PDB file of N, CA and C in Angstrom:
ATOM      1  N   ARG A   1      25.790 -16.972  19.550  1.00  0.00           N
ATOM      2  CA  ARG A   1      24.394 -16.230  19.270  1.00  0.00           C
ATOM      3  C   ARG A   1      25.430 -15.475  18.068  1.00  0.00           C
ATOM      4  N   MET A   2      23.551 -15.839  16.519  1.00  0.00           N
ATOM      5  CA  MET A   2      23.670 -15.505  15.752  1.00  0.00           C
ATOM      6  C   MET A   2      22.591 -13.933  15.933  1.00  0.00           C
ATOM      7  N   VAL A   3      23.239 -13.210  14.803  1.00  0.00           N
ATOM      8  CA  VAL A   3      22.060 -12.090  15.415  1.00  0.00           C
ATOM      9  C   VAL A   3      22.318 -11.472  13.903  1.00  0.00           C
ATOM     10  N   HIS A   4      21.397 -10.128  13.502  1.00  0.00           N
ATOM     11  CA  HIS A   4      21.657 -10.043  11.851  1.00  0.00           C
ATOM     12  C   HIS A   4      20.661  -8.250  11.817  1.00  0.00           C
ATOM     13  N   VAL A   5      21.016  -7.778  11.313  1.00  0.00           N
ATOM     14  CA  VAL A   5      20.506  -6.519  11.116  1.00  0.00           C
ATOM     15  C   VAL A   5      19.641  -6.087   9.802  1.00  0.00           C
ATOM     16  N   PRO A   6      18.537  -6.239   9.925  1.00  0.00           N
ATOM     17  CA  PRO A   6      17.704  -6.331   8.396  1.00  0.00           C
ATOM     18  C   PRO A   6      18.413  -4.692   7.966  1.00  0.00           C
ATOM     19  N   ALA A   7      18.569  -5.135   6.276  1.00  0.00           N
ATOM     20  CA  ALA A   7      18.823  -3.590   5.820  1.00  0.00           C
ATOM     21  C   ALA A   7      18.079  -2.318   6.083  1.00  0.00           C
ATOM     22  N   ASP A   8      16.458  -2.491   6.870  1.00  0.00           N
ATOM     23  CA  ASP A   8      16.050  -1.573   6.843  1.00  0.00           C
ATOM     24  C   ASP A   8      16.252  -0.226   8.206  1.00  0.00           C
ATOM     25  N   ARG A   9      16.830  -1.085   9.318  1.00  0.00           N
ATOM     26  CA  ARG A   9      17.477  -1.109  10.184  1.00  0.00           C
ATOM     27  C   ARG A   9      19.021  -0.421  10.019  1.00  0.00           C
ATOM     28  N   ALA A  10      19.363  -0.970   9.641  1.00  0.00           N
ATOM     29  CA  ALA A  10      21.210  -0.487   9.058  1.00  0.00           C
ATOM     30  C   ALA A  10      21.327   0.798   8.824  1.00  0.00           C
ATOM     31  N   ARG A  11      22.494   1.774   9.493  1.00  0.00           N
ATOM     32  CA  ARG A  11      22.854   2.942   9.544  1.00  0.00           C
ATOM     33  C   ARG A  11      23.916   3.325   8.743  1.00  0.00           C
ATOM     34  N   TRP A  12      23.323   4.338   8.123  1.00  0.00           N
ATOM     35  CA  TRP A  12      24.509   5.100   6.838  1.00  0.00           C
ATOM     36  C   TRP A  12      25.888   5.780   7.159  1.00  0.00           C
ATOM     37  N   LEU A  13      26.798   5.232   6.407  1.00  0.00           N
ATOM     38  CA  LEU A  13      27.947   6.376   7.057  1.00  0.00           C
ATOM     39  C   LEU A  13      27.628   7.488   7.430  1.00  0.00           C
ATOM     40  N   PRO A  14      28.213   8.280   8.721  1.00  0.00           N
ATOM     41  CA  PRO A  14      28.724   9.431   8.362  1.00  0.00           C
ATOM     42  C   PRO A  14      28.567  10.687   7.010  1.00  0.00           C
ATOM     43  N   SER A  15      28.500  11.360   7.298  1.00  0.00           N
ATOM     44  CA  SER A  15      27.712  12.355   5.890  1.00  0.00           C
ATOM     45  C   SER A  15      29.193  12.291   5.308  1.00  0.00           C
ATOM     46  N   GLY A  16      29.331  12.571   3.863  1.00  0.00           N
ATOM     47  CA  GLY A  16      30.370  12.835   2.903  1.00  0.00           C
ATOM     48  C   GLY A  16      31.661  11.395   2.966  1.00  0.00           C
ATOM     49  N   TYR A  17      31.059  10.204   3.932  1.00  0.00           N
ATOM     50  CA  TYR A  17      32.269   9.042   3.400  1.00  0.00           C
ATOM     51  C   TYR A  17      31.359   8.631   2.991  1.00  0.00           C
ATOM     52  N   GLY A  18      32.370   7.466   2.286  1.00  0.00           N
ATOM     53  CA  GLY A  18      31.907   6.589   1.048  1.00  0.00           C
ATOM     54  C   GLY A  18      31.070   6.943   0.258  1.00  0.00           C
ATOM     55  N   LYS A  19      30.295   6.458   0.002  1.00  0.00           N
ATOM     56  CA  LYS A  19      29.656   5.954  -1.201  1.00  0.00           C
ATOM     57  C   LYS A  19      27.971   6.473  -0.856  1.00  0.00           C
ATOM     58  N   VAL A  20      27.059   6.685  -1.389  1.00  0.00           N
ATOM     59  CA  VAL A  20      25.741   7.381  -1.005  1.00  0.00           C
ATOM     60  C   VAL A  20      25.188   5.810  -0.602  1.00  0.00           C
ATOM     61  N   GLU A  21      24.632   4.728  -0.868  1.00  0.00           N
ATOM     62  CA  GLU A  21      24.656   3.442  -0.843  1.00  0.00           C
ATOM     63  C   GLU A  21      25.533   2.611   0.342  1.00  0.00           C
ATOM     64  N   ASP A  22      25.866   3.183   0.987  1.00  0.00           N
ATOM     65  CA  ASP A  22      27.036   2.232   2.441  1.00  0.00           C
ATOM     66  C   ASP A  22      26.405   2.508   3.645  1.00  0.00           C
ATOM     67  N   LYS A  23      26.300   1.506   4.223  1.00  0.00           N
ATOM     68  CA  LYS A  23      25.678   0.973   5.330  1.00  0.00           C
ATOM     69  C   LYS A  23      26.377   0.651   6.423  1.00  0.00           C
ATOM     70  N   VAL A  24      26.623   0.623   7.288  1.00  0.00           N
ATOM     71  CA  VAL A  24      27.102  -0.314   8.481  1.00  0.00           C
ATOM     72  C   VAL A  24      25.843  -0.989   9.095  1.00  0.00           C
ATOM     73  N   GLY A  25      26.114  -2.052   9.926  1.00  0.00           N
ATOM     74  CA  GLY A  25      25.206  -3.032  10.699  1.00  0.00           C
ATOM     75  C   GLY A  25      25.367  -2.470  12.289  1.00  0.00           C
ATOM     76  N   PHE A  26      26.274  -2.763  13.082  1.00  0.00           N
ATOM     77  CA  PHE A  26      26.406  -2.694  14.280  1.00  0.00           C
ATOM     78  C   PHE A  26      27.642  -1.272  14.283  1.00  0.00           C
ATOM     79  N   ALA A  27      28.257  -1.220  13.426  1.00  0.00           N
ATOM     80  CA  ALA A  27      29.042  -0.397  14.116  1.00  0.00           C
ATOM     81  C   ALA A  27      28.717   1.360  14.253  1.00  0.00           C
ATOM     82  N   ASP A  28      29.269   2.092  15.133  1.00  0.00           N
ATOM     83  CA  ASP A  28      28.563   3.078  15.276  1.00  0.00           C
ATOM     84  C   ASP A  28      28.121   4.280  13.614  1.00  0.00           C
ATOM     85  N   GLY A  29      29.867   4.288  13.371  1.00  0.00           N
ATOM     86  CA  GLY A  29      29.944   5.016  12.268  1.00  0.00           C
ATOM     87  C   GLY A  29      31.241   4.116  11.390  1.00  0.00           C
ATOM     88  N   PHE A  30      31.859   3.698  11.360  1.00  0.00           N
ATOM     89  CA  PHE A  30      32.505   2.733  10.016  1.00  0.00           C
ATOM     90  C   PHE A  30      32.987   0.968  10.506  1.00  0.00           C
ATOM     91  N   PRO A  31      32.870   0.486   9.797  1.00  0.00           N
ATOM     92  CA  PRO A  31      32.684  -0.847  10.263  1.00  0.00           C
ATOM     93  C   PRO A  31      34.315  -1.505  10.350  1.00  0.00           C
ATOM     94  N   LEU A  32      35.383  -1.024  10.126  1.00  0.00           N
ATOM     95  CA  LEU A  32      36.503  -1.441  10.759  1.00  0.00           C
ATOM     96  C   LEU A  32      37.218  -0.211  10.448  1.00  0.00           C
ATOM     97  N   LEU A  33      37.926  -0.234  11.988  1.00  0.00           N
ATOM     98  CA  LEU A  33      39.170   0.730  12.246  1.00  0.00           C
ATOM     99  C   LEU A  33      40.407  -0.150  12.362  1.00  0.00           C
ATOM    100  N   LEU A  34      41.494   0.985  11.967  1.00  0.00           N
ATOM    101  CA  LEU A  34      42.358   0.527  11.447  1.00  0.00           C
ATOM    102  C   LEU A  34      43.328   1.459  11.998  1.00  0.00           C
ATOM    103  N   ILE A  35      44.954   0.568  12.828  1.00  0.00           N
ATOM    104  CA  ILE A  35      46.052   1.491  13.455  1.00  0.00           C
ATOM    105  C   ILE A  35      46.933   0.887  13.363  1.00  0.00           C
ATOM    106  N   GLY A  36      48.729   2.006  12.628  1.00  0.00           N
ATOM    107  CA  GLY A  36      49.698   1.367  12.594  1.00  0.00           C
ATOM    108  C   GLY A  36      50.079   1.295  14.231  1.00  0.00           C
ATOM    109  N   GLN A  37      51.111  -0.067  13.926  1.00  0.00           N
ATOM    110  CA  GLN A  37      51.964  -0.065  15.364  1.00  0.00           C
ATOM    111  C   GLN A  37      52.566   0.975  15.325  1.00  0.00           C
ATOM    112  N   ALA A  38      53.464   1.691  14.885  1.00  0.00           N
ATOM    113  CA  ALA A  38      54.523   2.794  14.525  1.00  0.00           C
ATOM    114  C   ALA A  38      53.679   4.142  14.968  1.00  0.00           C
ATOM    115  N   SER A  39      52.673   4.235  14.399  1.00  0.00           N
ATOM    116  CA  SER A  39      51.866   5.354  14.709  1.00  0.00           C
ATOM    117  C   SER A  39      51.307   5.122  16.472  1.00  0.00           C
ATOM    118  N   LEU A  40      50.455   4.356  17.214  1.00  0.00           N
ATOM    119  CA  LEU A  40      51.193   3.971  18.913  1.00  0.00           C
ATOM    120  C   LEU A  40      52.428   4.622  19.090  1.00  0.00           C
ATOM    121  N   ASP A  41      53.314   3.882  18.954  1.00  0.00           N
ATOM    122  CA  ASP A  41      55.067   3.940  19.127  1.00  0.00           C
ATOM    123  C   ASP A  41      55.092   5.356  19.325  1.00  0.00           C
ATOM    124  N   ASP A  42      54.733   6.255  18.133  1.00  0.00           N
ATOM    125  CA  ASP A  42      55.185   7.127  18.104  1.00  0.00           C
ATOM    126  C   ASP A  42      54.314   8.394  19.227  1.00  0.00           C
ATOM    127  N   LEU A  43      52.696   7.805  19.255  1.00  0.00           N
ATOM    128  CA  LEU A  43      51.711   8.554  20.155  1.00  0.00           C
ATOM    129  C   LEU A  43      52.116   8.457  21.701  1.00  0.00           C
ATOM    130  N   SER A  44      53.181   7.262  22.184  1.00  0.00           N
ATOM    131  CA  SER A  44      53.502   6.600  23.612  1.00  0.00           C
ATOM    132  C   SER A  44      55.126   7.175  23.818  1.00  0.00           C
ATOM    133  N   ALA A  45      55.540   7.504  22.843  1.00  0.00           N
ATOM    134  CA  ALA A  45      56.942   8.377  22.659  1.00  0.00           C
ATOM    135  C   ALA A  45      56.095   9.660  23.225  1.00  0.00           C
ATOM    136  N   LYS A  46      55.683  10.446  22.206  1.00  0.00           N
ATOM    137  CA  LYS A  46      54.828  11.850  22.899  1.00  0.00           C
ATOM    138  C   LYS A  46      54.533  11.721  24.069  1.00  0.00           C
ATOM    139  N   VAL A  47      53.529  10.779  24.609  1.00  0.00           N
ATOM    140  CA  VAL A  47      52.862  11.195  25.451  1.00  0.00           C
ATOM    141  C   VAL A  47      54.007  11.232  27.239  1.00  0.00           C
ATOM    142  N   GLY A  48      55.335  10.084  26.581  1.00  0.00           N
ATOM    143  CA  GLY A  48      56.406  10.176  27.927  1.00  0.00           C
ATOM    144  C   GLY A  48      55.551   8.610  28.615  1.00  0.00           C
ATOM    145  N   ARG A  49      54.554   7.832  27.833  1.00  0.00           N
ATOM    146  CA  ARG A  49      54.538   6.719  28.434  1.00  0.00           C
ATOM    147  C   ARG A  49      53.706   5.429  27.710  1.00  0.00           C
ATOM    148  N   PRO A  50      54.174   4.515  28.117  1.00  0.00           N
ATOM    149  CA  PRO A  50      53.384   3.293  26.939  1.00  0.00           C
ATOM    150  C   PRO A  50      51.877   3.528  26.667  1.00  0.00           C
ATOM    151  N   LEU A  51      51.094   3.296  25.597  1.00  0.00           N
ATOM    152  CA  LEU A  51      49.559   3.185  25.797  1.00  0.00           C
ATOM    153  C   LEU A  51      49.579   2.426  24.919  1.00  0.00           C
ATOM    154  N   GLU A  52      48.139   1.841  25.359  1.00  0.00           N
ATOM    155  CA  GLU A  52      47.429   0.590  25.038  1.00  0.00           C
ATOM    156  C   GLU A  52      46.819   0.438  23.760  1.00  0.00           C
ATOM    157  N   MET A  53      46.960  -0.759  22.739  1.00  0.00           N
ATOM    158  CA  MET A  53      46.323  -0.188  21.895  1.00  0.00           C
ATOM    159  C   MET A  53      44.922  -0.368  21.764  1.00  0.00           C
ATOM    160  N   LEU A  54      44.130  -1.424  22.487  1.00  0.00           N
ATOM    161  CA  LEU A  54      43.003  -1.090  22.874  1.00  0.00           C
ATOM    162  C   LEU A  54      42.344   0.159  23.388  1.00  0.00           C
ATOM    163  N   ARG A  55      43.369   0.959  23.811  1.00  0.00           N
ATOM    164  CA  ARG A  55      42.522   2.124  24.068  1.00  0.00           C
ATOM    165  C   ARG A  55      42.383   2.642  22.465  1.00  0.00           C
ATOM    166  N   PHE A  56      41.953   2.712  21.460  1.00  0.00           N
ATOM    167  CA  PHE A  56      41.612   2.965  20.400  1.00  0.00           C
ATOM    168  C   PHE A  56      41.013   1.800  19.595  1.00  0.00           C
ATOM    169  N   ARG A  57      41.065   1.012  20.242  1.00  0.00           N
ATOM    170  CA  ARG A  57      39.823  -0.280  19.545  1.00  0.00           C
ATOM    171  C   ARG A  57      39.550  -0.892  18.670  1.00  0.00           C
ATOM    172  N   PRO A  58      40.967  -0.962  17.855  1.00  0.00           N
ATOM    173  CA  PRO A  58      41.269  -1.164  16.819  1.00  0.00           C
ATOM    174  C   PRO A  58      40.625  -2.777  15.996  1.00  0.00           C
ATOM    175  N   ASN A  59      40.107  -2.935  14.726  1.00  0.00           N
ATOM    176  CA  ASN A  59      40.163  -4.500  14.440  1.00  0.00           C
ATOM    177  C   ASN A  59      41.575  -4.655  13.498  1.00  0.00           C
ATOM    178  N   LEU A  60      41.986  -3.632  13.060  1.00  0.00           N
ATOM    179  CA  LEU A  60      42.844  -3.691  12.272  1.00  0.00           C
ATOM    180  C   LEU A  60      44.059  -3.600  13.009  1.00  0.00           C
ATOM    181  N   VAL A  61      45.787  -3.807  13.160  1.00  0.00           N
ATOM    182  CA  VAL A  61      46.453  -3.496  13.410  1.00  0.00           C
ATOM    183  C   VAL A  61      48.290  -3.462  11.999  1.00  0.00           C
ATOM    184  N   VAL A  62      48.797  -2.535  11.693  1.00  0.00           N
ATOM    185  CA  VAL A  62      49.526  -2.826  10.427  1.00  0.00           C
ATOM    186  C   VAL A  62      51.250  -2.178  11.122  1.00  0.00           C
ATOM    187  N   GLU A  63      51.919  -3.870  10.510  1.00  0.00           N
ATOM    188  CA  GLU A  63      52.625  -3.356  11.505  1.00  0.00           C
ATOM    189  C   GLU A  63      53.848  -3.035  10.176  1.00  0.00           C
ATOM    190  N   GLY A  64      55.431  -2.454   9.272  1.00  0.00           N
ATOM    191  CA  GLY A  64      56.038  -2.538   8.850  1.00  0.00           C
ATOM    192  C   GLY A  64      55.413  -1.598   8.312  1.00  0.00           C
ATOM    193  N   SER A  65      55.180   0.245   8.674  1.00  0.00           N
ATOM    194  CA  SER A  65      55.203   0.850   7.791  1.00  0.00           C
ATOM    195  C   SER A  65      55.383   2.161   8.925  1.00  0.00           C
ATOM    196  N   GLU A  66      55.467   3.769   8.369  1.00  0.00           N
ATOM    197  CA  GLU A  66      55.746   4.720   8.836  1.00  0.00           C
ATOM    198  C   GLU A  66      54.353   4.939  10.134  1.00  0.00           C
ATOM    199  N   ALA A  67      54.887   5.882  11.271  1.00  0.00           N
ATOM    200  CA  ALA A  67      54.485   5.926  12.093  1.00  0.00           C
ATOM    201  C   ALA A  67      53.375   6.723  11.041  1.00  0.00           C
ATOM    202  N   PHE A  68      52.384   7.002  11.486  1.00  0.00           N
ATOM    203  CA  PHE A  68      50.909   7.472  10.632  1.00  0.00           C
ATOM    204  C   PHE A  68      50.661   7.468   9.367  1.00  0.00           C
ATOM    205  N   ALA A  69      51.619   6.875   8.503  1.00  0.00           N
ATOM    206  CA  ALA A  69      51.394   6.166   7.480  1.00  0.00           C
ATOM    207  C   ALA A  69      50.535   6.395   6.717  1.00  0.00           C
ATOM    208  N   GLU A  70      49.201   5.359   7.878  1.00  0.00           N
ATOM    209  CA  GLU A  70      47.678   5.264   7.298  1.00  0.00           C
ATOM    210  C   GLU A  70      46.883   5.751   7.048  1.00  0.00           C
ATOM    211  N   ASP A  71      47.359   6.929   7.390  1.00  0.00           N
ATOM    212  CA  ASP A  71      46.417   8.091   7.224  1.00  0.00           C
ATOM    213  C   ASP A  71      46.367   8.377   5.864  1.00  0.00           C
ATOM    214  N   GLY A  72      46.902   8.540   5.549  1.00  0.00           N
ATOM    215  CA  GLY A  72      46.929   9.072   3.642  1.00  0.00           C
ATOM    216  C   GLY A  72      46.569   7.945   2.809  1.00  0.00           C
ATOM    217  N   TRP A  73      46.513   6.815   3.285  1.00  0.00           N
ATOM    218  CA  TRP A  73      45.984   5.486   2.477  1.00  0.00           C
ATOM    219  C   TRP A  73      44.640   4.949   2.101  1.00  0.00           C
ATOM    220  N   LYS A  74      44.563   5.206   0.892  1.00  0.00           N
ATOM    221  CA  LYS A  74      42.851   5.201   0.053  1.00  0.00           C
ATOM    222  C   LYS A  74      42.700   3.977   0.292  1.00  0.00           C
ATOM    223  N   ARG A  75      43.314   2.528  -0.116  1.00  0.00           N
ATOM    224  CA  ARG A  75      43.206   1.204  -0.519  1.00  0.00           C
ATOM    225  C   ARG A  75      44.441   0.383   0.348  1.00  0.00           C
ATOM    226  N   ILE A  76      43.163  -1.045   1.109  1.00  0.00           N
ATOM    227  CA  ILE A  76      44.474  -1.900   1.642  1.00  0.00           C
ATOM    228  C   ILE A  76      43.503  -3.230   0.916  1.00  0.00           C
ATOM    229  N   ARG A  77      45.015  -3.889   0.779  1.00  0.00           N
ATOM    230  CA  ARG A  77      44.365  -5.532   0.276  1.00  0.00           C
ATOM    231  C   ARG A  77      44.763  -6.422   1.610  1.00  0.00           C
ATOM    232  N   ILE A  78      44.065  -6.782   2.112  1.00  0.00           N
ATOM    233  CA  ILE A  78      43.817  -8.148   2.734  1.00  0.00           C
ATOM    234  C   ILE A  78      43.407  -9.444   1.862  1.00  0.00           C
ATOM    235  N   GLY A  79      44.207 -10.092   1.891  1.00  0.00           N
ATOM    236  CA  GLY A  79      44.133 -11.611   0.656  1.00  0.00           C
ATOM    237  C   GLY A  79      43.582 -11.139  -1.239  1.00  0.00           C
ATOM    238  N   ASP A  80      42.477 -12.236  -1.020  1.00  0.00           N
ATOM    239  CA  ASP A  80      41.958 -10.948  -2.262  1.00  0.00           C
ATOM    240  C   ASP A  80      41.176 -10.246  -1.874  1.00  0.00           C
ATOM    241  N   ILE A  81      40.348  -9.776  -1.169  1.00  0.00           N
ATOM    242  CA  ILE A  81      39.549  -8.283  -0.578  1.00  0.00           C
ATOM    243  C   ILE A  81      40.449  -7.097  -0.615  1.00  0.00           C
ATOM    244  N   GLU A  82      39.927  -6.187  -1.280  1.00  0.00           N
ATOM    245  CA  GLU A  82      40.402  -4.537  -1.303  1.00  0.00           C
ATOM    246  C   GLU A  82      38.764  -3.717  -0.390  1.00  0.00           C
ATOM    247  N   PHE A  83      39.954  -3.391   0.802  1.00  0.00           N
ATOM    248  CA  PHE A  83      39.109  -2.128   1.130  1.00  0.00           C
ATOM    249  C   PHE A  83      39.296  -1.002   1.128  1.00  0.00           C
ATOM    250  N   ARG A  84      38.335   0.315   0.349  1.00  0.00           N
ATOM    251  CA  ARG A  84      38.548   1.542   1.017  1.00  0.00           C
ATOM    252  C   ARG A  84      38.347   1.507   1.845  1.00  0.00           C
ATOM    253  N   LEU A  85      39.439   2.817   2.227  1.00  0.00           N
ATOM    254  CA  LEU A  85      39.790   3.352   3.722  1.00  0.00           C
ATOM    255  C   LEU A  85      38.763   4.739   3.393  1.00  0.00           C
ATOM    256  N   LEU A  86      37.898   5.208   4.596  1.00  0.00           N
ATOM    257  CA  LEU A  86      37.719   6.392   3.659  1.00  0.00           C
ATOM    258  C   LEU A  86      38.166   7.738   4.961  1.00  0.00           C
ATOM    259  N   LYS A  87      38.822   7.906   5.485  1.00  0.00           N
ATOM    260  CA  LYS A  87      38.589   8.457   6.561  1.00  0.00           C
ATOM    261  C   LYS A  87      40.200   8.415   7.286  1.00  0.00           C
ATOM    262  N   GLY A  88      41.025   9.331   7.246  1.00  0.00           N
ATOM    263  CA  GLY A  88      42.167   9.184   8.040  1.00  0.00           C
ATOM    264  C   GLY A  88      42.034   8.663   9.540  1.00  0.00           C
TER     265      GLY A  88
END
């Protein structure tokens, strides 16, 4: 089923993030959630048991970086598309 959110029904990003005109359609706050595999592995070690990635509901999982490196990233590129990262 194809669905559409009209521009007048879109949600604004949380205050203080992104540009004034930035909106999302179906997301609660941000359209994409990113996590590093090393971050989940580090957290699992601290908790003492394996945690499932789905617990954090990411859209993007990054491998090959140090734990929590993604918290300081400002931009990422996937193919020809560059994304601004607004919040750690």
